[in-house]
Amino acid sequence: MTTLTLELPDTLAEQLRQQQINTKEIQAIVVVTLETWLASLGQNSTTQNRGRFAESGTLFARRLIQQNRELFETLAQR
């Protein structure tokens, strides 16, 4: 496994602390998000010329939640 360090805005880091979301849960969310995003890039290879971020972020987020509903419901209960 490779380590990737992310810098979060202070407001986001504070929200994570307030919600008591531990590092393991954050890592799981980030991994699933990146895997889903990379898979969506592969599915949209015909539109690659438009750029990686040309697709609506709302559509991506909805698809991500739909594909990982159980994970998000578990996190929402904490």
N, C-alpha and C. Protein backbone atom coordinates (compact mmCIF):
# COMPACT_ATOMS: atom_id res chain seq x y z
N MET A 1 0.85 -1.17 0.00
CA MET A 1 0.00 0.00 0.00
C MET A 1 0.90 1.23 0.00
N THR A 2 0.46 2.26 -0.70
CA THR A 2 1.20 3.51 -0.79
C THR A 2 0.53 4.56 0.09
N THR A 3 1.33 5.40 0.72
CA THR A 3 0.80 6.46 1.57
C THR A 3 0.64 7.72 0.76
N LEU A 4 -0.51 8.36 0.91
CA LEU A 4 -0.81 9.63 0.26
C LEU A 4 -1.24 10.60 1.36
N THR A 5 -0.60 11.74 1.43
CA THR A 5 -0.94 12.73 2.44
C THR A 5 -1.81 13.81 1.81
N LEU A 6 -2.96 14.07 2.43
CA LEU A 6 -3.88 15.09 1.94
C LEU A 6 -3.94 16.24 2.92
N GLU A 7 -3.97 17.45 2.40
CA GLU A 7 -4.17 18.62 3.24
C GLU A 7 -5.64 18.99 3.15
N LEU A 8 -6.32 19.01 4.29
CA LEU A 8 -7.73 19.34 4.34
C LEU A 8 -7.92 20.77 4.80
N PRO A 9 -8.96 21.42 4.29
CA PRO A 9 -9.28 22.75 4.83
C PRO A 9 -9.59 22.61 6.33
N ASP A 10 -9.24 23.62 7.10
CA ASP A 10 -9.45 23.57 8.55
C ASP A 10 -10.91 23.28 8.90
N THR A 11 -11.83 23.85 8.14
CA THR A 11 -13.25 23.64 8.44
C THR A 11 -13.65 22.18 8.27
N LEU A 12 -13.12 21.53 7.25
CA LEU A 12 -13.43 20.12 7.02
C LEU A 12 -12.81 19.25 8.11
N ALA A 13 -11.57 19.53 8.45
CA ALA A 13 -10.90 18.77 9.51
C ALA A 13 -11.66 18.90 10.83
N GLU A 14 -12.16 20.10 11.11
CA GLU A 14 -12.92 20.32 12.35
C GLU A 14 -14.23 19.53 12.33
N GLN A 15 -14.89 19.49 11.19
CA GLN A 15 -16.14 18.72 11.08
C GLN A 15 -15.88 17.23 11.30
N LEU A 16 -14.78 16.72 10.77
CA LEU A 16 -14.43 15.32 10.98
C LEU A 16 -14.19 15.04 12.46
N ARG A 17 -13.50 15.96 13.14
CA ARG A 17 -13.27 15.81 14.58
C ARG A 17 -14.58 15.85 15.36
N GLN A 18 -15.44 16.81 15.02
CA GLN A 18 -16.72 16.94 15.71
C GLN A 18 -17.59 15.69 15.54
N GLN A 19 -17.56 15.10 14.36
CA GLN A 19 -18.35 13.90 14.08
C GLN A 19 -17.67 12.64 14.60
N GLN A 20 -16.45 12.80 15.12
CA GLN A 20 -15.67 11.68 15.65
C GLN A 20 -15.47 10.57 14.62
N ILE A 21 -15.17 10.98 13.39
CA ILE A 21 -14.90 10.02 12.33
C ILE A 21 -13.41 9.69 12.39
N ASN A 22 -13.11 8.41 12.62
CA ASN A 22 -11.71 8.04 12.83
C ASN A 22 -10.97 7.88 11.50
N THR A 23 -9.67 7.79 11.59
CA THR A 23 -8.80 7.72 10.42
C THR A 23 -9.12 6.54 9.53
N LYS A 24 -9.45 5.41 10.12
CA LYS A 24 -9.76 4.21 9.35
C LYS A 24 -11.00 4.43 8.47
N GLU A 25 -12.01 5.08 9.03
CA GLU A 25 -13.23 5.37 8.26
C GLU A 25 -12.95 6.37 7.14
N ILE A 26 -12.16 7.38 7.44
CA ILE A 26 -11.81 8.37 6.43
C ILE A 26 -11.05 7.69 5.29
N GLN A 27 -10.11 6.83 5.64
CA GLN A 27 -9.35 6.11 4.62
C GLN A 27 -10.28 5.28 3.74
N ALA A 28 -11.24 4.59 4.34
CA ALA A 28 -12.18 3.77 3.57
C ALA A 28 -12.99 4.62 2.60
N ILE A 29 -13.43 5.78 3.06
CA ILE A 29 -14.21 6.67 2.21
C ILE A 29 -13.37 7.18 1.05
N VAL A 30 -12.14 7.59 1.33
CA VAL A 30 -11.26 8.11 0.29
C VAL A 30 -10.95 7.03 -0.75
N VAL A 31 -10.65 5.81 -0.29
CA VAL A 31 -10.33 4.71 -1.22
C VAL A 31 -11.52 4.42 -2.12
N VAL A 32 -12.72 4.31 -1.54
CA VAL A 32 -13.91 4.02 -2.34
C VAL A 32 -14.18 5.16 -3.33
N THR A 33 -14.02 6.39 -2.88
CA THR A 33 -14.24 7.54 -3.75
C THR A 33 -13.28 7.53 -4.93
N LEU A 34 -12.00 7.30 -4.67
CA LEU A 34 -11.01 7.28 -5.75
C LEU A 34 -11.24 6.11 -6.71
N GLU A 35 -11.58 4.94 -6.17
CA GLU A 35 -11.86 3.78 -7.02
C GLU A 35 -13.05 4.05 -7.93
N THR A 36 -14.09 4.64 -7.37
CA THR A 36 -15.28 4.95 -8.16
C THR A 36 -14.98 6.00 -9.22
N TRP A 37 -14.23 7.01 -8.85
CA TRP A 37 -13.88 8.07 -9.80
C TRP A 37 -13.04 7.51 -10.94
N LEU A 38 -12.05 6.68 -10.60
CA LEU A 38 -11.21 6.08 -11.64
C LEU A 38 -12.03 5.17 -12.56
N ALA A 39 -12.96 4.43 -11.99
CA ALA A 39 -13.82 3.58 -12.81
C ALA A 39 -14.67 4.42 -13.75
N SER A 40 -15.14 5.56 -13.25
CA SER A 40 -15.96 6.43 -14.10
C SER A 40 -15.13 7.03 -15.24
N LEU A 41 -13.85 7.25 -15.00
CA LEU A 41 -12.98 7.74 -16.07
C LEU A 41 -12.85 6.70 -17.17
N GLY A 42 -12.74 5.44 -16.78
CA GLY A 42 -12.65 4.36 -17.75
C GLY A 42 -13.91 4.23 -18.56
N GLN A 43 -15.07 4.43 -17.94
CA GLN A 43 -16.35 4.33 -18.64
C GLN A 43 -16.55 5.50 -19.59
N ASN A 44 -15.95 6.61 -19.28
CA ASN A 44 -16.12 7.81 -20.09
C ASN A 44 -14.92 8.08 -20.98
N SER A 45 -14.19 7.05 -21.37
CA SER A 45 -12.97 7.26 -22.14
C SER A 45 -13.24 7.91 -23.49
N THR A 46 -14.45 7.76 -24.02
CA THR A 46 -14.76 8.40 -25.30
C THR A 46 -14.90 9.90 -25.16
N THR A 47 -15.15 10.38 -23.95
CA THR A 47 -15.27 11.82 -23.73
C THR A 47 -14.02 12.38 -23.06
N GLN A 48 -12.95 11.64 -23.10
CA GLN A 48 -11.70 12.03 -22.43
C GLN A 48 -11.20 13.39 -22.90
N ASN A 49 -11.46 13.76 -24.15
CA ASN A 49 -10.97 15.03 -24.67
C ASN A 49 -11.60 16.22 -23.96
N ARG A 50 -12.73 16.02 -23.31
CA ARG A 50 -13.38 17.11 -22.59
C ARG A 50 -12.69 17.40 -21.27
N GLY A 51 -11.83 16.51 -20.81
CA GLY A 51 -11.14 16.72 -19.54
C GLY A 51 -11.75 15.87 -18.44
N ARG A 52 -10.95 15.57 -17.44
CA ARG A 52 -11.37 14.68 -16.36
C ARG A 52 -12.51 15.24 -15.53
N PHE A 53 -12.60 16.55 -15.42
CA PHE A 53 -13.59 17.14 -14.53
C PHE A 53 -14.76 17.76 -15.30
N ALA A 54 -14.90 17.40 -16.58
CA ALA A 54 -15.98 17.96 -17.39
C ALA A 54 -17.35 17.46 -16.94
N GLU A 55 -17.41 16.25 -16.40
CA GLU A 55 -18.68 15.69 -15.94
C GLU A 55 -19.14 16.41 -14.68
N SER A 56 -20.42 16.54 -14.54
CA SER A 56 -20.99 17.20 -13.36
C SER A 56 -20.55 16.51 -12.08
N GLY A 57 -20.08 17.27 -11.13
CA GLY A 57 -19.70 16.71 -9.84
C GLY A 57 -20.91 16.16 -9.09
N THR A 58 -22.07 16.75 -9.35
CA THR A 58 -23.30 16.27 -8.71
C THR A 58 -23.63 14.87 -9.18
N LEU A 59 -23.53 14.63 -10.47
CA LEU A 59 -23.80 13.30 -11.01
C LEU A 59 -22.82 12.28 -10.44
N PHE A 60 -21.55 12.65 -10.35
CA PHE A 60 -20.54 11.74 -9.80
C PHE A 60 -20.86 11.42 -8.35
N ALA A 61 -21.18 12.44 -7.56
CA ALA A 61 -21.48 12.23 -6.14
C ALA A 61 -22.71 11.34 -5.95
N ARG A 62 -23.75 11.57 -6.75
CA ARG A 62 -24.95 10.73 -6.65
C ARG A 62 -24.64 9.28 -6.98
N ARG A 63 -23.85 9.06 -8.03
CA ARG A 63 -23.47 7.70 -8.42
C ARG A 63 -22.62 7.06 -7.33
N LEU A 64 -21.72 7.81 -6.75
CA LEU A 64 -20.87 7.31 -5.67
C LEU A 64 -21.71 6.87 -4.47
N ILE A 65 -22.65 7.70 -4.08
CA ILE A 65 -23.52 7.36 -2.94
C ILE A 65 -24.37 6.15 -3.26
N GLN A 66 -24.92 6.11 -4.46
CA GLN A 66 -25.75 4.98 -4.86
C GLN A 66 -24.96 3.67 -4.80
N GLN A 67 -23.74 3.69 -5.28
CA GLN A 67 -22.93 2.48 -5.33
C GLN A 67 -22.40 2.08 -3.96
N ASN A 68 -22.41 3.00 -3.00
CA ASN A 68 -21.85 2.73 -1.68
C ASN A 68 -22.81 3.12 -0.57
N ARG A 69 -24.09 2.96 -0.83
CA ARG A 69 -25.12 3.39 0.11
C ARG A 69 -24.94 2.81 1.51
N GLU A 70 -24.61 1.53 1.60
CA GLU A 70 -24.45 0.89 2.91
C GLU A 70 -23.36 1.56 3.73
N LEU A 71 -22.22 1.87 3.11
CA LEU A 71 -21.13 2.53 3.80
C LEU A 71 -21.57 3.90 4.32
N PHE A 72 -22.23 4.69 3.46
CA PHE A 72 -22.64 6.03 3.86
C PHE A 72 -23.72 5.99 4.94
N GLU A 73 -24.63 5.01 4.88
CA GLU A 73 -25.65 4.89 5.92
C GLU A 73 -25.02 4.53 7.26
N THR A 74 -24.01 3.66 7.23
CA THR A 74 -23.31 3.30 8.46
C THR A 74 -22.61 4.52 9.06
N LEU A 75 -21.94 5.30 8.21
CA LEU A 75 -21.24 6.49 8.69
C LEU A 75 -22.22 7.54 9.20
N ALA A 76 -23.38 7.65 8.57
CA ALA A 76 -24.37 8.64 8.99
C ALA A 76 -24.93 8.34 10.38
N GLN A 77 -24.90 7.08 10.78
CA GLN A 77 -25.44 6.69 12.08
C GLN A 77 -24.47 7.00 13.22
N ARG A 78 -23.26 7.34 12.93
CA ARG A 78 -22.25 7.60 13.97
C ARG A 78 -22.37 8.99 14.52
